[in-house]
């Protein structure tokens, strides 16, 4: 598989993992056979706990899939993301925000992850604000949407504090802010659950939660000031 095909394949995975349509634009149309093949592989592996055979190799998990990917992703990024709970999402989220002039190490990937979190949160905030202002939205739902707006604003505020903590080499503050976001991201969906409704932000929140989880793992377990 050529390198450019692999990059396109990663971008195509954004559909599977519910990346917002307002996320950074893909490099190009991910419609190549290689893109489709990788997409189908991960979809099958996500739906079935049984081992998955590919090209004569038995893959037990998505981590195993990452281990056989070609050189389209820097090995350092594969290693860092491979140690998170959501390695594929880690690669998809951070690649557009990595500084091409900076070495790929936990700190640079963490910064990229925070930027990705900020981007996903802004997209979610724009969507939920649009819903809250839509005249067709039931009035009973508007207060719940306002809860989501408050949640996203809190995450954005925490993102800035996380970046400040990195600048100040304050690992305690960094861990606190990242941990706070783990709790914050649940509040929007919980507000809808309490009202016995399915959140329209469910998919965006799921991706956001995965990004937050990954940044926490990298920030707490891998970054050392």
N, C-alpha and C. Protein backbone atom coordinates (compact mmCIF):
# COMPACT_ATOMS: atom_id res chain seq x y z
N UNK A 1 0.86 -1.20 0.00
CA UNK A 1 0.00 0.00 0.00
C UNK A 1 0.89 1.23 0.00
N UNK A 2 0.65 2.15 -0.92
CA UNK A 2 1.46 3.34 -0.98
C UNK A 2 1.16 4.25 0.20
N UNK A 3 2.15 5.11 0.53
CA UNK A 3 2.00 6.00 1.67
C UNK A 3 0.78 6.89 1.54
N UNK A 4 0.61 7.49 0.33
CA UNK A 4 -0.53 8.40 0.20
C UNK A 4 -1.85 7.66 0.32
N UNK A 5 -1.91 6.40 -0.09
CA UNK A 5 -3.13 5.62 0.08
C UNK A 5 -3.42 5.39 1.56
N UNK A 6 -2.35 5.18 2.33
CA UNK A 6 -2.56 4.95 3.76
C UNK A 6 -3.11 6.19 4.45
N UNK A 7 -2.55 7.37 4.09
CA UNK A 7 -3.05 8.61 4.69
C UNK A 7 -4.51 8.80 4.34
N UNK A 8 -4.87 8.51 3.10
CA UNK A 8 -6.27 8.64 2.71
C UNK A 8 -7.13 7.66 3.49
N UNK A 9 -6.59 6.47 3.76
CA UNK A 9 -7.35 5.48 4.52
C UNK A 9 -7.65 5.98 5.91
N UNK A 10 -6.66 6.62 6.54
CA UNK A 10 -6.90 7.17 7.88
C UNK A 10 -7.99 8.22 7.86
N UNK A 11 -7.94 9.08 6.83
CA UNK A 11 -8.96 10.11 6.74
C UNK A 11 -10.33 9.50 6.57
N UNK A 12 -10.43 8.41 5.80
CA UNK A 12 -11.73 7.79 5.59
C UNK A 12 -12.30 7.23 6.88
N UNK A 13 -11.43 6.89 7.83
CA UNK A 13 -11.91 6.34 9.10
C UNK A 13 -12.68 7.36 9.91
N UNK A 14 -12.53 8.63 9.58
CA UNK A 14 -13.24 9.67 10.32
C UNK A 14 -14.74 9.48 10.25
N UNK A 15 -15.21 8.89 9.17
CA UNK A 15 -16.65 8.61 9.05
C UNK A 15 -17.05 7.56 10.08
N UNK A 16 -16.21 6.53 10.24
CA UNK A 16 -16.53 5.46 11.18
C UNK A 16 -16.52 5.94 12.61
N UNK A 17 -15.59 6.83 12.94
CA UNK A 17 -15.46 7.27 14.32
C UNK A 17 -16.13 8.61 14.56
N UNK A 18 -17.03 9.02 13.67
CA UNK A 18 -17.91 10.18 13.87
C UNK A 18 -17.18 11.49 14.04
N UNK A 19 -16.16 11.71 13.26
CA UNK A 19 -15.52 13.02 13.27
C UNK A 19 -16.46 14.01 12.62
N UNK A 20 -16.56 15.19 13.16
CA UNK A 20 -17.48 16.19 12.64
C UNK A 20 -17.15 16.57 11.21
N UNK A 21 -18.20 16.92 10.48
CA UNK A 21 -17.99 17.36 9.10
C UNK A 21 -17.24 18.68 9.06
N UNK A 22 -17.17 19.39 10.17
CA UNK A 22 -16.45 20.66 10.21
C UNK A 22 -15.02 20.52 10.67
N UNK A 23 -14.56 19.29 10.83
CA UNK A 23 -13.19 19.05 11.24
C UNK A 23 -12.26 19.46 10.12
N UNK A 24 -10.92 19.49 10.37
CA UNK A 24 -10.00 19.90 9.31
C UNK A 24 -10.26 19.12 8.05
N UNK A 25 -10.25 19.76 6.88
CA UNK A 25 -10.62 19.10 5.65
C UNK A 25 -9.69 17.95 5.32
N UNK A 26 -10.22 16.86 4.74
CA UNK A 26 -9.37 15.73 4.35
C UNK A 26 -8.41 16.14 3.25
N UNK A 27 -7.33 15.35 3.09
CA UNK A 27 -6.33 15.68 2.09
C UNK A 27 -6.90 15.58 0.69
N UNK A 28 -7.77 14.62 0.46
CA UNK A 28 -8.48 14.49 -0.82
C UNK A 28 -9.53 13.43 -0.65
N UNK A 29 -10.16 13.05 -1.73
CA UNK A 29 -11.24 12.08 -1.68
C UNK A 29 -10.70 10.70 -1.35
N UNK A 30 -11.13 10.15 -0.21
CA UNK A 30 -10.63 8.85 0.23
C UNK A 30 -11.48 7.74 -0.36
N UNK A 31 -11.40 7.58 -1.66
CA UNK A 31 -12.25 6.59 -2.31
C UNK A 31 -11.45 5.49 -2.98
N UNK A 32 -10.15 5.41 -2.71
CA UNK A 32 -9.34 4.41 -3.35
C UNK A 32 -9.67 3.03 -2.81
N UNK A 33 -9.36 1.95 -3.57
CA UNK A 33 -9.59 0.59 -3.06
C UNK A 33 -8.88 0.33 -1.75
N UNK A 34 -7.66 0.90 -1.59
CA UNK A 34 -6.92 0.70 -0.35
C UNK A 34 -7.66 1.32 0.82
N UNK A 35 -8.23 2.51 0.61
CA UNK A 35 -8.97 3.18 1.67
C UNK A 35 -10.17 2.34 2.08
N UNK A 36 -10.89 1.85 1.09
CA UNK A 36 -12.08 1.05 1.35
C UNK A 36 -11.73 -0.22 2.09
N UNK A 37 -10.60 -0.85 1.70
CA UNK A 37 -10.20 -2.11 2.32
C UNK A 37 -9.89 -1.91 3.80
N UNK A 38 -9.11 -0.86 4.12
CA UNK A 38 -8.75 -0.61 5.51
C UNK A 38 -9.97 -0.23 6.32
N UNK A 39 -10.85 0.57 5.72
CA UNK A 39 -12.09 0.96 6.39
C UNK A 39 -12.89 -0.28 6.75
N UNK A 40 -13.05 -1.19 5.78
CA UNK A 40 -13.84 -2.41 6.01
C UNK A 40 -13.20 -3.29 7.06
N UNK A 41 -11.87 -3.36 7.06
CA UNK A 41 -11.16 -4.18 8.04
C UNK A 41 -11.47 -3.72 9.46
N UNK A 42 -11.34 -2.42 9.69
CA UNK A 42 -11.54 -1.90 11.03
C UNK A 42 -13.01 -2.00 11.43
N UNK A 43 -13.93 -1.82 10.46
CA UNK A 43 -15.35 -1.95 10.77
C UNK A 43 -15.66 -3.36 11.23
N UNK A 44 -15.12 -4.35 10.52
CA UNK A 44 -15.36 -5.74 10.90
C UNK A 44 -14.75 -6.03 12.27
N UNK A 45 -13.54 -5.55 12.49
CA UNK A 45 -12.86 -5.80 13.76
C UNK A 45 -13.58 -5.12 14.92
N UNK A 46 -14.21 -3.99 14.65
CA UNK A 46 -14.92 -3.26 15.70
C UNK A 46 -16.21 -3.98 16.07
N UNK A 47 -16.81 -4.68 15.11
CA UNK A 47 -18.09 -5.32 15.35
C UNK A 47 -17.96 -6.73 15.90
N UNK A 48 -16.81 -7.34 15.71
CA UNK A 48 -16.64 -8.74 16.12
C UNK A 48 -15.44 -8.89 17.03
N UNK A 49 -15.62 -9.58 18.17
CA UNK A 49 -14.51 -9.79 19.09
C UNK A 49 -13.58 -10.91 18.65
N UNK A 50 -13.99 -11.70 17.64
CA UNK A 50 -13.19 -12.84 17.21
C UNK A 50 -11.98 -12.38 16.42
N UNK A 51 -10.91 -13.20 16.35
CA UNK A 51 -9.73 -12.82 15.56
C UNK A 51 -10.10 -12.58 14.11
N UNK A 52 -9.36 -11.69 13.48
CA UNK A 52 -9.65 -11.30 12.11
C UNK A 52 -8.43 -11.59 11.25
N UNK A 53 -8.63 -12.37 10.17
CA UNK A 53 -7.51 -12.76 9.31
C UNK A 53 -7.34 -11.75 8.20
N UNK A 54 -6.10 -11.29 8.00
CA UNK A 54 -5.80 -10.36 6.91
C UNK A 54 -4.47 -10.74 6.29
N UNK A 55 -4.51 -11.06 4.99
CA UNK A 55 -3.30 -11.36 4.23
C UNK A 55 -2.44 -12.42 4.92
N UNK A 56 -3.11 -13.43 5.44
CA UNK A 56 -2.40 -14.53 6.08
C UNK A 56 -2.00 -14.27 7.51
N UNK A 57 -2.34 -13.10 8.04
CA UNK A 57 -1.99 -12.75 9.43
C UNK A 57 -3.25 -12.68 10.27
N UNK A 58 -3.22 -13.28 11.45
CA UNK A 58 -4.37 -13.23 12.35
C UNK A 58 -4.23 -12.01 13.25
N UNK A 59 -5.22 -11.13 13.19
CA UNK A 59 -5.21 -9.89 13.97
C UNK A 59 -6.24 -10.01 15.08
N UNK A 60 -5.82 -9.82 16.30
CA UNK A 60 -6.70 -9.95 17.45
C UNK A 60 -7.40 -8.64 17.79
N UNK A 61 -6.82 -7.52 17.39
CA UNK A 61 -7.35 -6.23 17.79
C UNK A 61 -6.92 -5.15 16.80
N UNK A 62 -7.46 -3.95 16.99
CA UNK A 62 -7.05 -2.82 16.16
C UNK A 62 -5.59 -2.49 16.42
N UNK A 63 -5.10 -2.75 17.64
CA UNK A 63 -3.68 -2.53 17.92
C UNK A 63 -2.82 -3.38 17.01
N UNK A 64 -3.25 -4.64 16.77
CA UNK A 64 -2.51 -5.51 15.87
C UNK A 64 -2.51 -4.95 14.46
N UNK A 65 -3.63 -4.36 14.06
CA UNK A 65 -3.71 -3.75 12.74
C UNK A 65 -2.70 -2.61 12.64
N UNK A 66 -2.62 -1.78 13.67
CA UNK A 66 -1.65 -0.67 13.66
C UNK A 66 -0.22 -1.18 13.50
N UNK A 67 0.03 -2.35 14.07
CA UNK A 67 1.40 -2.86 14.05
C UNK A 67 1.87 -3.28 12.66
N UNK A 68 0.93 -3.53 11.73
CA UNK A 68 1.33 -3.96 10.40
C UNK A 68 1.14 -2.87 9.35
N UNK A 69 0.74 -1.68 9.78
CA UNK A 69 0.53 -0.60 8.83
C UNK A 69 1.86 -0.17 8.22
N UNK A 70 1.84 0.30 6.98
CA UNK A 70 3.08 0.75 6.33
C UNK A 70 3.57 2.06 6.91
N UNK A 71 4.60 2.61 6.31
CA UNK A 71 5.27 3.77 6.87
C UNK A 71 4.58 5.09 6.65
N UNK A 72 3.30 5.10 6.34
CA UNK A 72 2.59 6.35 6.12
C UNK A 72 2.46 7.18 7.38
N UNK A 73 2.51 6.55 8.54
CA UNK A 73 2.47 7.26 9.81
C UNK A 73 3.81 7.07 10.49
N UNK A 74 4.35 8.15 11.01
CA UNK A 74 5.64 8.08 11.68
C UNK A 74 5.60 7.01 12.77
N UNK A 75 6.60 6.14 12.82
CA UNK A 75 6.62 5.08 13.85
C UNK A 75 6.51 5.63 15.27
N UNK A 76 7.07 6.82 15.49
CA UNK A 76 6.99 7.41 16.84
C UNK A 76 5.55 7.73 17.19
N UNK A 77 4.79 8.23 16.21
CA UNK A 77 3.38 8.53 16.46
C UNK A 77 2.59 7.24 16.66
N UNK A 78 2.89 6.22 15.87
CA UNK A 78 2.22 4.93 16.05
C UNK A 78 2.47 4.38 17.46
N UNK A 79 3.72 4.52 17.93
CA UNK A 79 4.05 3.99 19.25
C UNK A 79 3.32 4.74 20.35
N UNK A 80 3.32 6.07 20.26
CA UNK A 80 2.65 6.88 21.28
C UNK A 80 1.15 6.60 21.28
N UNK A 81 0.54 6.66 20.11
CA UNK A 81 -0.91 6.43 20.02
C UNK A 81 -1.26 4.99 20.35
N UNK A 82 -0.35 4.07 20.06
CA UNK A 82 -0.60 2.67 20.38
C UNK A 82 -0.70 2.40 21.86
N UNK A 83 -0.20 3.32 22.68
CA UNK A 83 -0.27 3.18 24.13
C UNK A 83 -1.45 3.93 24.74
N UNK A 84 -2.36 4.41 23.90
CA UNK A 84 -3.59 5.04 24.39
C UNK A 84 -4.74 4.06 24.28
N UNK A 85 -5.88 4.42 24.84
CA UNK A 85 -7.05 3.54 24.79
C UNK A 85 -7.71 3.54 23.41
N UNK A 86 -7.44 4.58 22.62
CA UNK A 86 -8.09 4.71 21.31
C UNK A 86 -7.03 5.09 20.28
N UNK A 87 -6.19 4.12 19.88
CA UNK A 87 -5.03 4.45 19.04
C UNK A 87 -5.38 4.98 17.65
N UNK A 88 -6.42 4.43 17.02
CA UNK A 88 -6.77 4.90 15.68
C UNK A 88 -7.27 6.34 15.74
N UNK A 89 -8.14 6.62 16.70
CA UNK A 89 -8.64 7.98 16.86
C UNK A 89 -7.51 8.94 17.21
N UNK A 90 -6.53 8.44 17.96
CA UNK A 90 -5.38 9.27 18.33
C UNK A 90 -4.64 9.71 17.09
N UNK A 91 -4.40 8.78 16.16
CA UNK A 91 -3.69 9.11 14.93
C UNK A 91 -4.51 10.07 14.08
N UNK A 92 -5.80 9.74 13.90
CA UNK A 92 -6.67 10.58 13.07
C UNK A 92 -6.75 12.00 13.62
N UNK A 93 -6.90 12.12 14.94
CA UNK A 93 -7.12 13.43 15.56
C UNK A 93 -5.86 14.29 15.56
N UNK A 94 -4.71 13.68 15.84
CA UNK A 94 -3.51 14.48 16.06
C UNK A 94 -2.76 14.83 14.78
N UNK A 95 -2.84 13.98 13.77
CA UNK A 95 -2.03 14.22 12.56
C UNK A 95 -2.22 15.61 11.96
N UNK A 96 -3.45 16.13 11.84
CA UNK A 96 -3.61 17.46 11.22
C UNK A 96 -3.03 18.59 12.06
N UNK A 97 -2.76 18.33 13.35
CA UNK A 97 -2.34 19.40 14.25
C UNK A 97 -0.89 19.28 14.71
N UNK A 98 -0.17 18.29 14.19
CA UNK A 98 1.23 18.14 14.57
C UNK A 98 2.08 19.21 13.88
N UNK A 99 3.00 19.77 14.63
CA UNK A 99 3.93 20.75 14.08
C UNK A 99 4.99 20.00 13.28
N UNK A 100 5.02 20.23 11.97
CA UNK A 100 5.94 19.49 11.12
C UNK A 100 7.40 19.78 11.43
N UNK A 101 7.66 20.87 12.15
CA UNK A 101 9.03 21.22 12.51
C UNK A 101 9.45 20.71 13.88
N UNK A 102 8.50 20.12 14.59
CA UNK A 102 8.79 19.62 15.93
C UNK A 102 8.94 18.10 15.90
N UNK A 103 9.82 17.55 16.72
CA UNK A 103 9.94 16.08 16.78
C UNK A 103 8.67 15.46 17.35
N UNK A 104 8.37 14.28 16.86
CA UNK A 104 7.18 13.58 17.37
C UNK A 104 7.56 12.88 18.66
N UNK A 105 7.08 13.41 19.75
CA UNK A 105 7.32 12.89 21.09
C UNK A 105 6.05 13.12 21.89
N UNK A 106 5.94 12.53 23.09
CA UNK A 106 4.69 12.68 23.84
C UNK A 106 4.20 14.11 24.00
N UNK A 107 5.12 15.05 24.25
CA UNK A 107 4.69 16.44 24.48
C UNK A 107 4.10 17.04 23.21
N UNK A 108 4.73 16.83 22.06
CA UNK A 108 4.21 17.40 20.82
C UNK A 108 2.89 16.75 20.42
N UNK A 109 2.74 15.45 20.69
CA UNK A 109 1.48 14.76 20.39
C UNK A 109 0.40 15.22 21.36
N UNK A 110 0.77 15.47 22.61
CA UNK A 110 -0.19 15.99 23.58
C UNK A 110 -0.72 17.35 23.14
N UNK A 111 0.18 18.24 22.70
CA UNK A 111 -0.25 19.56 22.23
C UNK A 111 -1.19 19.42 21.04
N UNK A 112 -0.85 18.52 20.12
CA UNK A 112 -1.71 18.28 18.96
C UNK A 112 -3.06 17.73 19.40
N UNK A 113 -3.04 16.86 20.42
CA UNK A 113 -4.29 16.30 20.93
C UNK A 113 -5.18 17.35 21.57
N UNK A 114 -4.58 18.29 22.28
CA UNK A 114 -5.36 19.38 22.89
C UNK A 114 -5.95 20.26 21.80
N UNK A 115 -5.18 20.52 20.75
CA UNK A 115 -5.70 21.32 19.63
C UNK A 115 -6.85 20.57 18.93
N UNK A 116 -6.70 19.26 18.80
CA UNK A 116 -7.76 18.46 18.19
C UNK A 116 -9.01 18.47 19.07
N UNK A 117 -8.80 18.39 20.38
CA UNK A 117 -9.91 18.46 21.33
C UNK A 117 -10.62 19.80 21.23
N UNK A 118 -9.82 20.86 21.12
CA UNK A 118 -10.37 22.20 21.00
C UNK A 118 -11.20 22.33 19.72
N UNK A 119 -10.68 21.78 18.63
CA UNK A 119 -11.37 21.85 17.35
C UNK A 119 -12.69 21.08 17.40
N UNK A 120 -12.64 19.86 17.95
CA UNK A 120 -13.86 19.05 18.04
C UNK A 120 -14.89 19.70 18.95
N UNK A 121 -14.42 20.32 20.02
CA UNK A 121 -15.34 21.00 20.95
C UNK A 121 -15.99 22.20 20.29
N UNK A 122 -15.22 22.97 19.54
CA UNK A 122 -15.79 24.12 18.84
C UNK A 122 -16.83 23.69 17.81
N UNK A 123 -16.56 22.58 17.12
CA UNK A 123 -17.54 22.05 16.17
C UNK A 123 -18.82 21.63 16.89
N UNK A 124 -18.67 20.97 18.03
CA UNK A 124 -19.84 20.55 18.81
C UNK A 124 -20.60 21.76 19.33
N UNK A 125 -19.87 22.76 19.79
CA UNK A 125 -20.50 23.98 20.30
C UNK A 125 -21.30 24.68 19.20
N UNK A 126 -20.73 24.74 18.00
CA UNK A 126 -21.44 25.37 16.88
C UNK A 126 -22.72 24.61 16.55
N UNK A 127 -22.64 23.29 16.59
CA UNK A 127 -23.80 22.47 16.26
C UNK A 127 -24.90 22.60 17.31
N UNK A 128 -24.53 22.54 18.58
CA UNK A 128 -25.54 22.59 19.63
C UNK A 128 -26.14 24.00 19.72
N UNK A 129 -25.35 25.03 19.44
CA UNK A 129 -25.87 26.40 19.42
C UNK A 129 -26.88 26.56 18.30
N UNK A 130 -26.56 25.98 17.15
CA UNK A 130 -27.48 26.02 16.01
C UNK A 130 -28.80 25.35 16.37
N UNK A 131 -28.73 24.20 17.04
CA UNK A 131 -29.94 23.48 17.45
C UNK A 131 -30.75 24.30 18.44
N UNK A 132 -30.07 24.94 19.37
CA UNK A 132 -30.78 25.70 20.41
C UNK A 132 -31.50 26.91 19.83
N UNK A 133 -31.01 27.43 18.71
CA UNK A 133 -31.60 28.61 18.09
C UNK A 133 -32.60 28.26 16.99
N UNK A 134 -32.70 26.98 16.68
CA UNK A 134 -33.62 26.54 15.64
C UNK A 134 -35.06 26.66 16.15
N UNK A 135 -35.92 27.40 15.47
CA UNK A 135 -37.30 27.57 15.95
C UNK A 135 -38.10 26.28 15.99
N UNK A 136 -37.63 25.25 15.28
CA UNK A 136 -38.35 23.97 15.29
C UNK A 136 -37.94 23.08 16.47
N UNK A 137 -36.90 23.47 17.18
CA UNK A 137 -36.46 22.69 18.35
C UNK A 137 -37.48 22.85 19.47
N UNK A 138 -37.98 21.74 20.03
CA UNK A 138 -38.96 21.85 21.13
C UNK A 138 -38.41 22.68 22.29
N UNK A 139 -39.25 23.51 22.85
CA UNK A 139 -38.82 24.40 23.93
C UNK A 139 -38.30 23.63 25.14
N UNK A 140 -38.83 22.43 25.33
CA UNK A 140 -38.40 21.63 26.49
C UNK A 140 -36.96 21.13 26.35
N UNK A 141 -36.46 21.13 25.11
CA UNK A 141 -35.11 20.63 24.86
C UNK A 141 -34.06 21.73 25.02
N UNK A 142 -34.48 22.97 24.86
CA UNK A 142 -33.53 24.09 24.87
C UNK A 142 -32.71 24.15 26.16
N UNK A 143 -33.30 23.97 27.35
CA UNK A 143 -32.46 23.99 28.56
C UNK A 143 -31.41 22.89 28.58
N UNK A 144 -31.72 21.73 28.00
CA UNK A 144 -30.74 20.65 27.95
C UNK A 144 -29.61 21.03 27.00
N UNK A 145 -29.97 21.62 25.88
CA UNK A 145 -28.95 22.09 24.94
C UNK A 145 -28.07 23.15 25.57
N UNK A 146 -28.64 23.97 26.42
CA UNK A 146 -27.86 24.98 27.13
C UNK A 146 -26.84 24.33 28.05
N UNK A 147 -27.22 23.21 28.65
CA UNK A 147 -26.27 22.45 29.47
C UNK A 147 -25.09 22.02 28.63
N UNK A 148 -25.37 21.55 27.41
CA UNK A 148 -24.30 21.14 26.51
C UNK A 148 -23.41 22.32 26.13
N UNK A 149 -24.03 23.46 25.88
CA UNK A 149 -23.26 24.67 25.57
C UNK A 149 -22.31 25.00 26.71
N UNK A 150 -22.82 24.91 27.94
CA UNK A 150 -21.98 25.18 29.12
C UNK A 150 -20.83 24.17 29.21
N UNK A 151 -21.14 22.91 28.89
CA UNK A 151 -20.12 21.86 28.92
C UNK A 151 -18.99 22.17 27.95
N UNK A 152 -19.35 22.50 26.72
CA UNK A 152 -18.33 22.75 25.70
C UNK A 152 -17.51 24.00 26.03
N UNK A 153 -18.15 25.01 26.57
CA UNK A 153 -17.40 26.21 26.96
C UNK A 153 -16.42 25.89 28.09
N UNK A 154 -16.85 25.02 29.00
CA UNK A 154 -15.96 24.61 30.10
C UNK A 154 -14.74 23.86 29.56
N UNK A 155 -14.98 23.00 28.57
CA UNK A 155 -13.87 22.24 27.98
C UNK A 155 -12.91 23.18 27.26
N UNK A 156 -13.45 24.14 26.52
CA UNK A 156 -12.60 25.10 25.83
C UNK A 156 -11.75 25.90 26.81
N UNK A 157 -12.36 26.29 27.91
CA UNK A 157 -11.64 27.03 28.94
C UNK A 157 -10.53 26.16 29.54
N UNK A 158 -10.85 24.89 29.77
CA UNK A 158 -9.87 23.97 30.33
C UNK A 158 -8.74 23.70 29.36
N UNK A 159 -9.05 23.68 28.07
CA UNK A 159 -8.01 23.47 27.07
C UNK A 159 -6.95 24.56 27.17
N UNK A 160 -7.40 25.80 27.30
CA UNK A 160 -6.45 26.91 27.40
C UNK A 160 -5.60 26.79 28.67
N UNK A 161 -6.23 26.36 29.76
CA UNK A 161 -5.48 26.18 31.00
C UNK A 161 -4.48 25.04 30.88
N UNK A 162 -4.84 24.01 30.09
CA UNK A 162 -3.92 22.90 29.86
C UNK A 162 -2.68 23.37 29.11
N UNK A 163 -2.89 24.19 28.08
CA UNK A 163 -1.76 24.73 27.32
C UNK A 163 -0.89 25.64 28.20
N UNK A 164 -1.53 26.40 29.09
CA UNK A 164 -0.77 27.23 30.02
C UNK A 164 0.05 26.37 30.96
N UNK A 165 -0.55 25.26 31.40
CA UNK A 165 0.16 24.35 32.30
C UNK A 165 1.38 23.75 31.61
N UNK A 166 1.25 23.46 30.32
CA UNK A 166 2.39 22.94 29.57
C UNK A 166 3.49 23.99 29.49
N UNK A 167 3.10 25.22 29.19
CA UNK A 167 4.09 26.31 29.10
C UNK A 167 4.81 26.52 30.43
N UNK A 168 4.08 26.32 31.53
CA UNK A 168 4.65 26.53 32.87
C UNK A 168 5.26 25.26 33.44
N UNK A 169 5.24 24.19 32.65
CA UNK A 169 5.77 22.90 33.11
C UNK A 169 5.12 22.46 34.43
N UNK A 170 3.82 22.71 34.52
CA UNK A 170 3.06 22.38 35.72
C UNK A 170 2.27 21.10 35.48
N UNK A 171 2.86 19.97 35.82
CA UNK A 171 2.24 18.68 35.54
C UNK A 171 0.99 18.46 36.38
N UNK A 172 0.97 18.99 37.59
CA UNK A 172 -0.20 18.83 38.46
C UNK A 172 -1.41 19.53 37.86
N UNK A 173 -1.21 20.78 37.44
CA UNK A 173 -2.31 21.53 36.83
C UNK A 173 -2.76 20.87 35.53
N UNK A 174 -1.79 20.38 34.75
CA UNK A 174 -2.12 19.72 33.49
C UNK A 174 -2.99 18.50 33.73
N UNK A 175 -2.60 17.67 34.69
CA UNK A 175 -3.38 16.47 35.01
C UNK A 175 -4.76 16.83 35.50
N UNK A 176 -4.85 17.89 36.29
CA UNK A 176 -6.14 18.32 36.83
C UNK A 176 -7.08 18.76 35.70
N UNK A 177 -6.57 19.58 34.79
CA UNK A 177 -7.40 20.09 33.70
C UNK A 177 -7.85 18.96 32.77
N UNK A 178 -6.93 18.07 32.42
CA UNK A 178 -7.29 16.96 31.54
C UNK A 178 -8.29 16.03 32.21
N UNK A 179 -8.10 15.80 33.51
CA UNK A 179 -9.04 14.96 34.25
C UNK A 179 -10.42 15.60 34.35
N UNK A 180 -10.45 16.91 34.50
CA UNK A 180 -11.73 17.63 34.56
C UNK A 180 -12.50 17.46 33.27
N UNK A 181 -11.80 17.49 32.15
CA UNK A 181 -12.46 17.34 30.86
C UNK A 181 -13.08 15.95 30.69
N UNK A 182 -12.46 14.95 31.26
CA UNK A 182 -13.02 13.60 31.21
C UNK A 182 -14.40 13.58 31.85
N UNK A 183 -14.55 14.31 32.94
CA UNK A 183 -15.86 14.38 33.62
C UNK A 183 -16.81 15.30 32.86
N UNK A 184 -16.29 16.42 32.37
CA UNK A 184 -17.15 17.39 31.68
C UNK A 184 -17.85 16.81 30.47
N UNK A 185 -17.13 16.02 29.69
CA UNK A 185 -17.66 15.54 28.42
C UNK A 185 -18.87 14.64 28.60
N UNK A 186 -19.05 14.08 29.80
CA UNK A 186 -20.18 13.19 30.05
C UNK A 186 -21.47 13.96 30.36
N UNK A 187 -21.34 15.22 30.75
CA UNK A 187 -22.50 15.95 31.27
C UNK A 187 -23.57 16.22 30.23
N UNK A 188 -23.17 16.45 29.00
CA UNK A 188 -24.16 16.73 27.95
C UNK A 188 -25.04 15.49 27.72
N UNK A 189 -24.41 14.36 27.50
CA UNK A 189 -25.17 13.12 27.26
C UNK A 189 -26.00 12.74 28.47
N UNK A 190 -25.45 12.95 29.67
CA UNK A 190 -26.19 12.62 30.89
C UNK A 190 -27.44 13.47 31.04
N UNK A 191 -27.37 14.72 30.61
CA UNK A 191 -28.54 15.60 30.69
C UNK A 191 -29.68 15.06 29.83
N UNK A 192 -29.34 14.55 28.66
CA UNK A 192 -30.37 13.96 27.79
C UNK A 192 -30.88 12.63 28.36
N UNK A 193 -29.98 11.85 28.93
CA UNK A 193 -30.40 10.58 29.52
C UNK A 193 -31.38 10.80 30.68
N UNK A 194 -31.13 11.82 31.47
CA UNK A 194 -32.03 12.11 32.59
C UNK A 194 -33.42 12.50 32.09
N UNK A 195 -33.46 13.07 30.89
CA UNK A 195 -34.75 13.44 30.30
C UNK A 195 -35.31 12.29 29.46
N UNK A 196 -34.62 11.13 29.52
CA UNK A 196 -35.03 9.94 28.74
C UNK A 196 -35.07 10.23 27.24
N UNK A 197 -34.06 10.95 26.78
CA UNK A 197 -33.94 11.29 25.37
C UNK A 197 -32.54 10.91 24.88
N UNK A 198 -32.45 10.67 23.58
CA UNK A 198 -31.14 10.39 22.99
C UNK A 198 -30.52 11.71 22.54
N UNK A 199 -29.29 11.92 22.93
CA UNK A 199 -28.63 13.18 22.62
C UNK A 199 -28.31 13.29 21.14
N UNK A 200 -28.64 14.42 20.52
CA UNK A 200 -28.25 14.65 19.13
C UNK A 200 -26.74 14.87 18.99
N UNK A 201 -26.07 15.05 20.13
CA UNK A 201 -24.63 15.27 20.14
C UNK A 201 -23.86 13.99 20.46
N UNK A 202 -24.57 12.88 20.48
CA UNK A 202 -23.98 11.62 20.94
C UNK A 202 -22.72 11.24 20.18
N UNK A 203 -22.77 11.29 18.86
CA UNK A 203 -21.62 10.87 18.06
C UNK A 203 -20.43 11.82 18.23
N UNK A 204 -20.72 13.11 18.21
CA UNK A 204 -19.64 14.09 18.37
C UNK A 204 -19.03 13.98 19.75
N UNK A 205 -19.87 13.75 20.76
CA UNK A 205 -19.36 13.60 22.12
C UNK A 205 -18.51 12.34 22.27
N UNK A 206 -18.88 11.28 21.54
CA UNK A 206 -18.12 10.03 21.62
C UNK A 206 -16.70 10.23 21.11
N UNK A 207 -16.58 10.92 19.98
CA UNK A 207 -15.25 11.19 19.45
C UNK A 207 -14.48 12.13 20.37
N UNK A 208 -15.18 13.13 20.88
CA UNK A 208 -14.54 14.07 21.80
C UNK A 208 -14.05 13.36 23.05
N UNK A 209 -14.86 12.45 23.56
CA UNK A 209 -14.47 11.69 24.76
C UNK A 209 -13.22 10.85 24.50
N UNK A 210 -13.13 10.27 23.30
CA UNK A 210 -11.96 9.48 22.96
C UNK A 210 -10.71 10.34 22.88
N UNK A 211 -10.85 11.53 22.29
CA UNK A 211 -9.71 12.44 22.21
C UNK A 211 -9.27 12.86 23.60
N UNK A 212 -10.23 13.18 24.45
CA UNK A 212 -9.91 13.59 25.83
C UNK A 212 -9.23 12.46 26.58
N UNK A 213 -9.76 11.25 26.43
CA UNK A 213 -9.15 10.10 27.09
C UNK A 213 -7.70 9.92 26.65
N UNK A 214 -7.46 10.06 25.36
CA UNK A 214 -6.09 9.90 24.85
C UNK A 214 -5.16 10.99 25.37
N UNK A 215 -5.63 12.23 25.41
CA UNK A 215 -4.77 13.31 25.90
C UNK A 215 -4.45 13.10 27.38
N UNK A 216 -5.41 12.59 28.14
CA UNK A 216 -5.16 12.33 29.56
C UNK A 216 -4.08 11.26 29.71
N UNK A 217 -4.18 10.19 28.94
CA UNK A 217 -3.19 9.12 29.01
C UNK A 217 -1.81 9.63 28.65
N UNK A 218 -1.73 10.39 27.56
CA UNK A 218 -0.43 10.91 27.13
C UNK A 218 0.11 11.91 28.15
N UNK A 219 -0.77 12.81 28.63
CA UNK A 219 -0.33 13.84 29.57
C UNK A 219 0.12 13.29 30.91
N UNK A 220 -0.58 12.29 31.40
CA UNK A 220 -0.28 11.75 32.73
C UNK A 220 0.81 10.67 32.69
N UNK A 221 0.75 9.81 31.69
CA UNK A 221 1.64 8.64 31.67
C UNK A 221 2.92 8.83 30.86
N UNK A 222 2.90 9.76 29.91
CA UNK A 222 4.05 9.84 28.98
C UNK A 222 4.84 11.13 29.03
N UNK A 223 4.20 12.22 29.45
CA UNK A 223 4.89 13.52 29.47
C UNK A 223 5.61 13.71 30.79
N UNK A 224 6.86 14.11 30.69
CA UNK A 224 7.67 14.38 31.90
C UNK A 224 8.38 15.71 31.71
N UNK A 225 8.08 16.67 32.58
CA UNK A 225 8.71 17.98 32.49
C UNK A 225 10.05 17.97 33.21
